[in-house]
């Protein structure tokens, strides 16, 4: 592990809390407080992004281990420390969070209800998410993982739609119930291994029978967060009722927490159980890709169609992770980045229509390509990237997953590739309904994108094209970490490398 003297991970994690403290101290007339709260939250999130970019430039991609490591005593009697560090797997997820938080804050500009509290919720959410991706102690990871629930629950429950309370409570119950299984796994690991240090646990052999129970606990927890079918039923309500900025963070960032949990814990820590569960995970991934694509195709609401497409793409990510191949896991990581950017762009596009007072029912839209050409061009770019058009970020991740799956199971590869065809079907239905055809008179005269909307959509579009045209600038950053994970997984399954198993 590469240890550093300056606690840069603590800085990027807790800097948003300084923004929260500033917002909490704001006093004055309501409109002035709301304006200063928006600007303060945006400036804070941009400062976090700047630190994230520095992390990227200072990261050494040739090292497979953790870098920028911090370790401080905390609960010494329980051998629990405050440990932070990043590798190639977690680095870009931190960057994704830092990149999308300012966009989510910008997308909240039309909201006028309790603006200061909303900005505080987003900054809290950023702290908890980055802290979770940086944690190298299981207890610290669990605290951040659970703490994400509170600000997101408030975002849905306070600023959501008509059924916001139902959606918020359902989201909270599903995710909390799943996390309780992870808590049991954490207690078992601490009791049997004597530590909660993630690096130590990754190298601690665990009996195959115990691995199966631990994997089931991780599946219950991370599967809910990643919206793995059939644990996804909270998602349509949460996505449908959450305000646009909340939906962006839910779909683009929080769903990646579950996939990250599989990569950080389930696959490297439980190799025998993960391998035994491979057919199950492939089945869940394929069902998500095919069945949920048909569900998306049946939707009549633009926002819900995009929400279901998010579940289908998470199925591709699950397939990639459980191929246990370099191509498959790198494809899953790349798809996590791509999906975060693309789905954020699509939800911003829905927010543009909502801000103009338009309903998202597909049958009530049409002809917007003539009325809003810039909007139409960007919506088409994100939709085609969602399909996996070559030259966009969506193509690279999906093709890597398909190649990785081909090495393991031809039928899984074929069925996973069917998602690209079905994705084209429902996204073309969406584009035809929204952009083309005869415009209905009730749409009125709609203005094209304003400067604030360009500020949100153009950076997302640039990143989608950058990842699609020059993917090597990203994949080389996690090559070493993924190769080390795959090699360790193979070694753990080789009989002569087995060590004495830890048993209760």
Protein backbone atom coordinates (compact mmCIF):
# COMPACT_ATOMS: atom_id res chain seq x y z
CA UNK A 1 0.00 0.00 0.00
CA UNK A 2 1.20 3.47 -0.92
CA UNK A 3 0.88 5.65 2.17
CA UNK A 4 0.85 9.43 1.94
CA UNK A 5 1.47 12.10 4.53
CA UNK A 6 -1.29 14.48 3.44
CA UNK A 7 -4.83 13.18 4.19
CA UNK A 8 -6.24 14.00 0.76
CA UNK A 9 -8.96 11.35 0.98
CA UNK A 10 -10.20 12.77 4.25
CA UNK A 11 -10.18 16.22 2.63
CA UNK A 12 -12.24 15.16 -0.38
CA UNK A 13 -14.59 13.14 1.84
CA UNK A 14 -15.33 15.73 4.48
CA UNK A 15 -14.99 18.98 2.53
CA UNK A 16 -18.74 18.89 1.70
CA UNK A 17 -19.43 18.97 5.45
CA UNK A 18 -17.79 22.41 5.57
CA UNK A 19 -20.30 23.45 2.93
CA UNK A 20 -23.08 22.02 5.10
CA UNK A 21 -21.83 24.05 8.07
CA UNK A 22 -21.77 27.21 5.93
CA UNK A 23 -25.31 26.60 4.70
CA UNK A 24 -26.53 25.95 8.23
CA UNK A 25 -25.28 29.38 9.33
CA UNK A 26 -27.02 31.32 6.55
CA UNK A 27 -29.49 33.89 7.81
CA UNK A 28 -31.66 36.51 6.16
CA UNK A 29 -34.52 36.83 3.72
CA UNK A 30 -35.69 33.51 2.24
CA UNK A 31 -34.87 34.26 -1.40
CA UNK A 32 -31.40 35.55 -0.53
CA UNK A 33 -30.69 32.51 1.64
CA UNK A 34 -31.83 30.18 -1.15
CA UNK A 35 -29.60 31.93 -3.68
CA UNK A 36 -26.54 31.84 -1.41
CA UNK A 37 -27.26 28.21 -0.54
CA UNK A 38 -27.29 27.19 -4.20
CA UNK A 39 -24.06 29.04 -4.93
CA UNK A 40 -22.36 27.77 -1.76
CA UNK A 41 -23.29 24.16 -2.50
CA UNK A 42 -22.18 24.47 -6.12
CA UNK A 43 -18.82 26.03 -5.21
CA UNK A 44 -18.21 23.35 -2.58
CA UNK A 45 -19.00 20.54 -5.02
CA UNK A 46 -16.73 22.08 -7.66
CA UNK A 47 -13.91 22.24 -5.09
CA UNK A 48 -14.45 18.53 -4.40
CA UNK A 49 -14.30 17.87 -8.15
CA UNK A 50 -11.01 19.76 -8.38
CA UNK A 51 -9.51 17.57 -5.63
CA UNK A 52 -10.84 14.50 -7.44
CA UNK A 53 -9.09 15.55 -10.64
CA UNK A 54 -5.87 15.94 -8.66
CA UNK A 55 -6.34 12.41 -7.31
CA UNK A 56 -6.62 11.18 -10.88
CA UNK A 57 -3.44 12.92 -12.00
CA UNK A 58 -1.48 11.80 -8.92
CA UNK A 59 -2.65 8.17 -9.05
CA UNK A 60 -0.03 5.64 -10.19
CA UNK A 61 -1.83 3.20 -12.56
CA UNK A 62 1.08 0.73 -12.51
CA UNK A 63 0.31 -0.18 -8.88
CA UNK A 64 -2.41 -2.70 -8.12
CA UNK A 65 -2.61 -1.88 -4.42
CA UNK A 66 -4.24 0.94 -2.51
CA UNK A 67 -2.82 4.45 -2.70
CA UNK A 68 -3.19 7.64 -0.64
CA UNK A 69 -3.65 5.39 2.39
CA UNK A 70 -4.61 6.94 5.73
CA UNK A 71 -4.82 5.09 9.06
CA UNK A 72 -5.74 6.53 12.44
CA UNK A 73 -6.66 4.80 15.73
CA UNK A 74 -10.37 4.77 16.42
CA UNK A 75 -11.92 1.83 18.32
CA UNK A 76 -8.64 0.30 19.45
CA UNK A 77 -10.25 -2.28 21.73
CA UNK A 78 -12.09 -3.76 18.74
CA UNK A 79 -9.15 -3.37 16.31
CA UNK A 80 -11.22 -0.92 14.28
CA UNK A 81 -9.33 1.95 12.70
CA UNK A 82 -10.20 4.88 10.51
CA UNK A 83 -8.61 3.61 7.29
CA UNK A 84 -8.94 5.19 3.87
CA UNK A 85 -7.38 4.39 0.49
CA UNK A 86 -8.19 4.01 -3.19
CA UNK A 87 -7.20 1.66 -5.99
CA UNK A 88 -8.04 1.64 -9.69
CA UNK A 89 -11.50 0.23 -8.96
CA UNK A 90 -12.63 2.90 -6.50
CA UNK A 91 -10.83 5.90 -8.04
CA UNK A 92 -13.23 6.50 -10.91
CA UNK A 93 -16.29 5.92 -8.74
CA UNK A 94 -15.10 8.76 -6.52
CA UNK A 95 -14.57 10.87 -9.64
CA UNK A 96 -18.03 9.95 -10.92
CA UNK A 97 -19.58 11.11 -7.64
CA UNK A 98 -17.57 14.34 -7.67
CA UNK A 99 -18.46 15.01 -11.31
CA UNK A 100 -22.19 14.37 -11.00
CA UNK A 101 -22.87 16.18 -7.73
CA UNK A 102 -22.46 19.69 -9.26
CA UNK A 103 -24.73 18.61 -12.13
CA UNK A 104 -27.36 17.37 -9.67
CA UNK A 105 -27.13 20.67 -7.78
CA UNK A 106 -27.52 22.64 -11.02
CA UNK A 107 -30.52 20.52 -11.98
CA UNK A 108 -32.18 21.49 -8.68
CA UNK A 109 -32.29 25.20 -9.63
CA UNK A 110 -36.04 25.11 -10.51
CA UNK A 111 -36.86 23.77 -7.02
CA UNK A 112 -37.93 26.56 -4.66
CA UNK A 113 -39.04 24.55 -1.63
CA UNK A 114 -36.57 24.47 1.29
CA UNK A 115 -33.61 25.13 -0.98
CA UNK A 116 -31.01 25.35 1.77
CA UNK A 117 -32.00 22.01 3.24
CA UNK A 118 -31.95 20.40 -0.20
CA UNK A 119 -28.42 21.67 -0.84
CA UNK A 120 -27.34 20.36 2.56
CA UNK A 121 -28.79 16.95 1.72
CA UNK A 122 -26.79 16.75 -1.51
CA UNK A 123 -23.54 17.72 0.18
CA UNK A 124 -24.16 15.15 2.92
CA UNK A 125 -24.86 12.57 0.24
CA UNK A 126 -21.56 13.42 -1.47
CA UNK A 127 -19.61 12.98 1.77
CA UNK A 128 -21.18 9.62 2.56
CA UNK A 129 -20.73 8.27 -0.97
CA UNK A 130 -17.09 9.29 -1.37
CA UNK A 131 -16.36 8.03 2.14
CA UNK A 132 -17.84 4.66 1.29
CA UNK A 133 -15.74 4.32 -1.89
CA UNK A 134 -12.61 5.32 0.07
CA UNK A 135 -13.09 3.21 3.22
CA UNK A 136 -10.54 0.47 3.96
CA UNK A 137 -12.13 -0.66 7.21
CA UNK A 138 -15.35 -2.67 7.07
CA UNK A 139 -16.92 -0.76 9.99
CA UNK A 140 -16.12 2.59 8.37
CA UNK A 141 -17.48 1.27 5.06
CA UNK A 142 -20.69 0.10 6.73
CA UNK A 143 -21.25 3.45 8.47
CA UNK A 144 -20.90 5.40 5.24
CA UNK A 145 -22.94 2.81 3.33
CA UNK A 146 -25.83 3.15 5.77
CA UNK A 147 -25.53 6.90 6.23
CA UNK A 148 -26.32 7.42 2.53
CA UNK A 149 -29.90 6.36 3.29
CA UNK A 150 -30.82 9.39 5.38
CA UNK A 151 -30.15 12.26 2.94
CA UNK A 152 -31.61 10.30 0.02
CA UNK A 153 -34.70 9.39 2.08
CA UNK A 154 -35.22 13.09 2.77
CA UNK A 155 -34.66 14.09 -0.86
CA UNK A 156 -37.37 11.67 -1.99
CA UNK A 157 -39.73 12.22 0.93
CA UNK A 158 -39.60 16.03 1.09
CA UNK A 159 -39.02 17.11 -2.51
CA UNK A 160 -40.57 14.20 -4.42
CA UNK A 161 -43.86 13.77 -6.25
CA UNK A 162 -47.37 13.03 -5.02
CA UNK A 163 -46.50 9.52 -3.76
CA UNK A 164 -43.17 10.62 -2.31
CA UNK A 165 -43.78 9.31 1.23
CA UNK A 166 -44.65 5.83 -0.03
CA UNK A 167 -41.61 5.79 -2.34
CA UNK A 168 -39.26 7.10 0.36
CA UNK A 169 -40.41 4.60 2.97
CA UNK A 170 -40.18 1.72 0.47
CA UNK A 171 -36.67 2.78 -0.53
CA UNK A 172 -35.61 3.06 3.12
CA UNK A 173 -37.07 -0.29 4.18
CA UNK A 174 -35.63 -2.23 1.25
CA UNK A 175 -32.13 -0.83 1.56
CA UNK A 176 -32.02 -0.94 5.36
CA UNK A 177 -33.29 -4.54 5.47
CA UNK A 178 -30.65 -5.61 2.97
CA UNK A 179 -27.92 -3.83 4.89
CA UNK A 180 -28.79 -5.69 8.08
CA UNK A 181 -27.57 -8.88 6.42
CA UNK A 182 -24.27 -7.17 5.68
CA UNK A 183 -24.06 -6.18 9.35
CA UNK A 184 -24.37 -9.86 10.33
CA UNK A 185 -21.61 -10.71 7.85
CA UNK A 186 -19.45 -7.94 9.32
CA UNK A 187 -19.92 -9.27 12.86
CA UNK A 188 -19.05 -12.81 11.74
CA UNK A 189 -15.91 -11.67 9.96
CA UNK A 190 -14.76 -9.60 12.93
CA UNK A 191 -15.43 -12.48 15.33
CA UNK A 192 -13.55 -15.06 13.24
CA UNK A 193 -10.78 -13.01 11.65
CA UNK A 194 -10.24 -10.68 14.61
CA UNK A 195 -10.12 -7.58 12.42
CA UNK A 196 -12.25 -5.38 10.21
CA UNK A 197 -9.35 -4.20 8.06
CA UNK A 198 -10.52 -4.78 4.49
CA UNK A 199 -7.01 -5.41 3.14
CA UNK A 200 -6.41 -8.08 5.80
CA UNK A 201 -9.82 -9.65 5.22
CA UNK A 202 -9.13 -9.88 1.47
CA UNK A 203 -6.17 -12.14 2.28
CA UNK A 204 -7.86 -14.15 5.03
CA UNK A 205 -9.02 -17.61 3.86
CA UNK A 206 -12.60 -18.46 4.81
CA UNK A 207 -14.15 -21.93 4.89
CA UNK A 208 -16.23 -22.66 1.75
CA UNK A 209 -19.38 -23.39 3.80
CA UNK A 210 -19.08 -20.06 5.59
CA UNK A 211 -18.42 -18.32 2.30
CA UNK A 212 -21.82 -19.38 0.99
CA UNK A 213 -23.65 -17.80 3.94
CA UNK A 214 -21.55 -14.65 3.70
CA UNK A 215 -22.19 -14.40 -0.04
CA UNK A 216 -25.93 -14.69 0.55
CA UNK A 217 -25.70 -11.82 3.05
CA UNK A 218 -23.73 -9.69 0.58
CA UNK A 219 -26.18 -10.51 -2.20
CA UNK A 220 -29.10 -9.35 -0.05
CA UNK A 221 -27.35 -6.07 0.75
CA UNK A 222 -25.53 -5.17 -2.46
CA UNK A 223 -28.22 -6.70 -4.66
CA UNK A 224 -30.83 -4.31 -3.31
CA UNK A 225 -28.56 -1.29 -3.76
CA UNK A 226 -27.62 -2.35 -7.31
CA UNK A 227 -31.30 -3.04 -8.09
CA UNK A 228 -30.55 -6.63 -9.11
CA UNK A 229 -33.70 -8.40 -10.29
CA UNK A 230 -35.90 -9.31 -8.38
CA UNK A 231 -34.62 -7.01 -5.61
CA UNK A 232 -35.29 -3.97 -7.77
CA UNK A 233 -38.97 -3.39 -6.96
CA UNK A 234 -38.22 -0.30 -4.86
CA UNK A 235 -36.57 1.37 -7.84
CA UNK A 236 -39.49 2.37 -10.12
CA UNK A 237 -41.28 4.11 -7.25
CA UNK A 238 -38.13 5.85 -5.97
CA UNK A 239 -37.02 6.95 -9.44
CA UNK A 240 -40.53 7.97 -10.42
CA UNK A 241 -41.25 10.07 -7.32
CA UNK A 242 -37.80 11.53 -6.61
CA UNK A 243 -37.07 15.02 -7.96
CA UNK A 244 -34.76 15.08 -10.98
CA UNK A 245 -31.56 15.82 -8.99
CA UNK A 246 -32.40 12.99 -6.60
CA UNK A 247 -33.06 10.62 -9.49
CA UNK A 248 -29.68 11.55 -11.00
CA UNK A 249 -27.84 10.62 -7.81
CA UNK A 250 -29.91 7.48 -7.28
CA UNK A 251 -29.43 6.08 -10.78
CA UNK A 252 -25.97 7.37 -11.59
CA UNK A 253 -24.16 7.01 -8.26
CA UNK A 254 -26.03 5.08 -5.57
CA UNK A 255 -26.76 2.08 -7.82
CA UNK A 256 -22.98 1.74 -8.29
CA UNK A 257 -22.53 1.24 -4.57
CA UNK A 258 -24.01 -2.25 -4.85
CA UNK A 259 -21.85 -3.20 -7.82
CA UNK A 260 -18.81 -1.82 -5.99
CA UNK A 261 -19.68 -3.97 -2.98
CA UNK A 262 -19.63 -7.10 -5.15
CA UNK A 263 -16.23 -6.09 -6.59
CA UNK A 264 -14.70 -5.11 -3.26
CA UNK A 265 -16.05 -7.92 -1.05
CA UNK A 266 -18.03 -10.74 -2.68
CA UNK A 267 -15.64 -11.63 -5.52
CA UNK A 268 -12.18 -11.24 -3.91
CA UNK A 269 -13.11 -12.18 -0.34
CA UNK A 270 -15.36 -15.16 -1.14
CA UNK A 271 -13.88 -16.77 -4.28
CA UNK A 272 -15.38 -20.24 -3.88
CA UNK A 273 -18.85 -18.92 -3.08
CA UNK A 274 -18.71 -16.35 -5.87
CA UNK A 275 -17.74 -19.04 -8.36
CA UNK A 276 -20.49 -21.36 -7.13
CA UNK A 277 -22.99 -18.50 -7.44
CA UNK A 278 -21.89 -17.66 -10.98
CA UNK A 279 -24.85 -19.44 -12.68
CA UNK A 280 -27.29 -17.68 -10.35
CA UNK A 281 -25.76 -14.26 -10.97
CA UNK A 282 -25.68 -14.87 -14.72
CA UNK A 283 -29.36 -15.79 -14.58
CA UNK A 284 -30.26 -12.67 -12.60
CA UNK A 285 -28.24 -10.52 -15.00
CA UNK A 286 -29.78 -12.03 -18.13
CA UNK A 287 -33.32 -11.74 -16.74
CA UNK A 288 -32.65 -8.08 -15.94
CA UNK A 289 -31.32 -7.45 -19.43
CA UNK A 290 -34.19 -9.14 -21.29
CA UNK A 291 -37.26 -9.04 -19.06
CA UNK A 292 -36.70 -5.50 -17.75
CA UNK A 293 -36.07 -4.30 -21.32
CA UNK A 294 -39.54 -5.51 -22.25
CA UNK A 295 -40.93 -3.78 -19.17
CA UNK A 296 -39.20 -0.57 -20.28
CA UNK A 297 -40.66 -0.99 -23.74
CA UNK A 298 -44.17 -1.15 -22.24
CA UNK A 299 -43.86 2.14 -20.35
CA UNK A 300 -45.83 5.20 -21.40
CA UNK A 301 -43.95 7.65 -19.18
CA UNK A 302 -40.54 8.97 -20.28
CA UNK A 303 -39.03 9.00 -16.78
CA UNK A 304 -40.15 5.48 -15.91
CA UNK A 305 -38.91 4.12 -19.24
CA UNK A 306 -35.45 5.56 -18.51
CA UNK A 307 -35.64 4.19 -14.96
CA UNK A 308 -36.28 0.65 -16.17
CA UNK A 309 -33.51 0.97 -18.75
CA UNK A 310 -31.20 1.66 -15.80
CA UNK A 311 -32.12 -1.71 -14.25
CA UNK A 312 -31.44 -3.47 -17.56
CA UNK A 313 -27.97 -1.92 -17.77
CA UNK A 314 -27.20 -2.94 -14.21
CA UNK A 315 -27.84 -6.50 -15.42
CA UNK A 316 -24.98 -6.08 -17.91
CA UNK A 317 -22.72 -4.91 -15.09
CA UNK A 318 -23.58 -7.96 -12.96
CA UNK A 319 -22.82 -10.30 -15.86
CA UNK A 320 -19.44 -8.64 -16.38
CA UNK A 321 -18.42 -8.86 -12.72
CA UNK A 322 -19.19 -12.58 -12.45
CA UNK A 323 -17.32 -13.61 -15.59
CA UNK A 324 -14.17 -13.39 -13.41
CA UNK A 325 -12.26 -12.35 -16.54
CA UNK A 326 -10.21 -9.21 -17.05
CA UNK A 327 -12.36 -8.19 -20.03
CA UNK A 328 -15.63 -8.79 -18.18
CA UNK A 329 -14.69 -6.95 -14.99
CA UNK A 330 -13.10 -4.05 -16.87
CA UNK A 331 -16.24 -3.92 -19.02
CA UNK A 332 -18.39 -3.82 -15.89
CA UNK A 333 -16.29 -0.98 -14.44
CA UNK A 334 -16.39 0.93 -17.71
CA UNK A 335 -20.13 0.38 -17.96
CA UNK A 336 -20.54 1.71 -14.42
CA UNK A 337 -18.87 4.95 -15.48
CA UNK A 338 -20.71 5.13 -18.79
CA UNK A 339 -24.08 4.31 -17.29
CA UNK A 340 -23.63 6.98 -14.63
CA UNK A 341 -22.95 9.66 -17.25
CA UNK A 342 -25.58 8.53 -19.76
CA UNK A 343 -28.39 8.01 -17.29
CA UNK A 344 -27.62 11.40 -15.71
CA UNK A 345 -27.87 12.99 -19.15
CA UNK A 346 -31.19 11.30 -19.85
CA UNK A 347 -32.68 12.38 -16.53
CA UNK A 348 -31.46 15.96 -17.02
CA UNK A 349 -33.27 15.87 -20.37
CA UNK A 350 -36.48 14.83 -18.62
CA UNK A 351 -35.94 17.64 -16.13
CA UNK A 352 -35.73 20.13 -19.00
CA UNK A 353 -39.27 19.21 -20.04
CA UNK A 354 -40.55 19.25 -16.47
CA UNK A 355 -39.10 22.72 -15.93
CA UNK A 356 -41.22 23.91 -18.86
CA UNK A 357 -44.35 22.49 -17.28
CA UNK A 358 -44.67 19.59 -19.73
CA UNK A 359 -45.96 16.15 -18.74
CA UNK A 360 -43.69 13.20 -19.48
CA UNK A 361 -46.41 11.01 -20.96
CA UNK A 362 -45.09 9.87 -24.34
CA UNK A 363 -48.45 10.23 -26.06
CA UNK A 364 -48.57 13.95 -25.13
CA UNK A 365 -45.14 14.74 -26.55
CA UNK A 366 -43.91 14.90 -30.11
CA UNK A 367 -42.26 17.17 -32.65
CA UNK A 368 -39.69 18.59 -30.25
CA UNK A 369 -36.88 18.17 -32.78
CA UNK A 370 -38.30 21.13 -34.69
CA UNK A 371 -39.05 23.23 -31.59
CA UNK A 372 -35.90 22.42 -29.58
CA UNK A 373 -33.11 21.31 -31.95
CA UNK A 374 -30.23 21.58 -29.45
CA UNK A 375 -32.24 19.63 -26.87
CA UNK A 376 -33.11 17.03 -29.52
CA UNK A 377 -29.45 16.56 -30.52
CA UNK A 378 -28.32 15.97 -26.94
CA UNK A 379 -31.24 13.70 -26.08
CA UNK A 380 -30.44 11.65 -29.18
CA UNK A 381 -26.75 11.41 -28.21
CA UNK A 382 -27.55 10.11 -24.72
CA UNK A 383 -30.20 7.74 -26.08
CA UNK A 384 -27.82 6.25 -28.65
CA UNK A 385 -25.11 5.94 -26.00
CA UNK A 386 -27.64 4.11 -23.85
CA UNK A 387 -28.15 1.70 -26.75
CA UNK A 388 -24.40 1.17 -27.14
CA UNK A 389 -23.70 2.98 -30.41
CA UNK A 390 -20.01 2.68 -31.45
CA UNK A 391 -18.16 5.91 -30.72
CA UNK A 392 -20.02 6.42 -27.45
CA UNK A 393 -19.17 5.24 -23.96
CA UNK A 394 -22.01 2.72 -23.92
CA UNK A 395 -20.47 0.63 -26.68
CA UNK A 396 -17.09 0.08 -25.00
CA UNK A 397 -18.43 -1.25 -21.72
CA UNK A 398 -21.00 -3.55 -23.30
CA UNK A 399 -18.61 -5.03 -25.86
CA UNK A 400 -16.02 -5.76 -23.16
CA UNK A 401 -18.65 -7.52 -21.04
CA UNK A 402 -19.81 -9.54 -24.05
CA UNK A 403 -16.23 -10.57 -24.87
CA UNK A 404 -15.60 -11.52 -21.24
CA UNK A 405 -18.83 -13.54 -21.08
CA UNK A 406 -17.97 -15.26 -24.37
CA UNK A 407 -14.89 -16.76 -22.69
CA UNK A 408 -17.10 -18.30 -20.00
CA UNK A 409 -20.51 -19.05 -21.49
CA UNK A 410 -21.60 -18.48 -25.09
CA UNK A 411 -25.32 -18.33 -24.25
CA UNK A 412 -24.84 -15.73 -21.51
CA UNK A 413 -22.83 -13.66 -23.96
CA UNK A 414 -25.53 -14.00 -26.62
CA UNK A 415 -28.40 -13.20 -24.28
CA UNK A 416 -26.48 -10.28 -22.78
CA UNK A 417 -25.91 -8.91 -26.27
CA UNK A 418 -29.66 -9.09 -26.83
CA UNK A 419 -29.89 -6.19 -24.42
CA UNK A 420 -28.34 -3.94 -27.06
CA UNK A 421 -31.08 -4.91 -29.52
CA UNK A 422 -33.87 -4.48 -26.98
CA UNK A 423 -32.31 -1.25 -25.78
CA UNK A 424 -32.44 0.06 -29.31
CA UNK A 425 -36.13 -0.85 -29.43
CA UNK A 426 -37.29 1.07 -26.37
CA UNK A 427 -34.95 4.04 -26.89
CA UNK A 428 -36.09 4.45 -30.49
CA UNK A 429 -39.69 4.34 -29.27
CA UNK A 430 -38.82 7.11 -26.83
CA UNK A 431 -37.05 9.22 -29.48
CA UNK A 432 -39.88 8.82 -31.95
CA UNK A 433 -42.47 9.80 -29.35
CA UNK A 434 -40.58 12.81 -27.97
CA UNK A 435 -38.73 14.26 -30.94
CA UNK A 436 -40.56 13.31 -34.09
CA UNK A 437 -44.09 13.13 -35.40
CA UNK A 438 -46.61 15.92 -35.33
CA UNK A 439 -46.35 18.34 -32.42
CA UNK A 440 -49.55 18.58 -30.39
CA UNK A 441 -51.05 22.08 -30.08
CA UNK A 442 -51.07 21.91 -26.29
CA UNK A 443 -47.27 21.78 -26.23
CA UNK A 444 -47.24 25.46 -27.09
CA UNK A 445 -44.04 27.28 -27.98
CA UNK A 446 -41.17 25.67 -26.10
CA UNK A 447 -37.85 27.46 -25.66
CA UNK A 448 -34.67 25.53 -26.41
CA UNK A 449 -31.93 24.95 -23.87
CA UNK A 450 -30.88 27.84 -21.64
CA UNK A 451 -27.28 28.48 -20.42
CA UNK A 452 -27.80 26.55 -17.19
CA UNK A 453 -29.06 23.49 -19.07
CA UNK A 454 -26.12 23.69 -21.46
CA UNK A 455 -23.84 23.79 -18.40
CA UNK A 456 -25.29 20.47 -17.27
CA UNK A 457 -25.64 18.64 -20.57
CA UNK A 458 -22.51 19.63 -22.49
CA UNK A 459 -20.00 18.27 -19.90
CA UNK A 460 -21.96 15.00 -19.79
CA UNK A 461 -22.00 14.80 -23.60
CA UNK A 462 -18.26 15.53 -23.77
CA UNK A 463 -17.50 12.75 -21.29
CA UNK A 464 -19.73 10.26 -23.13
CA UNK A 465 -17.84 10.95 -26.34
CA UNK A 466 -14.42 10.97 -24.63
CA UNK A 467 -15.01 7.55 -23.08
CA UNK A 468 -16.30 6.24 -26.40
CA UNK A 469 -13.51 7.60 -28.61
CA UNK A 470 -10.52 7.20 -26.27
CA UNK A 471 -11.44 4.51 -23.72
CA UNK A 472 -7.80 3.63 -23.05
CA UNK A 473 -7.35 6.86 -21.10
CA UNK A 474 -9.66 5.34 -18.50
CA UNK A 475 -9.13 1.58 -18.73
CA UNK A 476 -5.37 1.82 -18.16
CA UNK A 477 -6.07 3.32 -14.76
CA UNK A 478 -7.72 0.15 -13.47
CA UNK A 479 -5.84 -2.46 -15.53
CA UNK A 480 -3.42 -3.33 -12.72
CA UNK A 481 -6.13 -3.59 -10.04
CA UNK A 482 -8.40 -5.76 -12.18
CA UNK A 483 -5.55 -8.04 -13.30
CA UNK A 484 -4.49 -8.51 -9.67
CA UNK A 485 -8.08 -9.33 -8.67
CA UNK A 486 -8.50 -11.93 -11.42
CA UNK A 487 -5.14 -13.55 -10.66
CA UNK A 488 -5.94 -13.71 -6.95
CA UNK A 489 -9.33 -15.24 -7.75
CA UNK A 490 -7.74 -17.96 -9.91
CA UNK A 491 -5.10 -18.65 -7.26
CA UNK A 492 -7.73 -18.98 -4.54
CA UNK A 493 -9.53 -21.65 -6.58
CA UNK A 494 -6.35 -23.69 -7.14
CA UNK A 495 -6.27 -26.55 -4.61
CA UNK A 496 -2.55 -26.45 -3.87
CA UNK A 497 -2.68 -22.77 -2.91
CA UNK A 498 -5.36 -23.30 -0.27
CA UNK A 499 -4.37 -22.42 3.28
CA UNK A 500 -5.94 -23.34 6.61
CA UNK A 501 -9.50 -22.13 6.58
CA UNK A 502 -10.91 -19.77 9.18
CA UNK A 503 -13.83 -21.40 10.93
CA UNK A 504 -16.04 -20.33 13.71
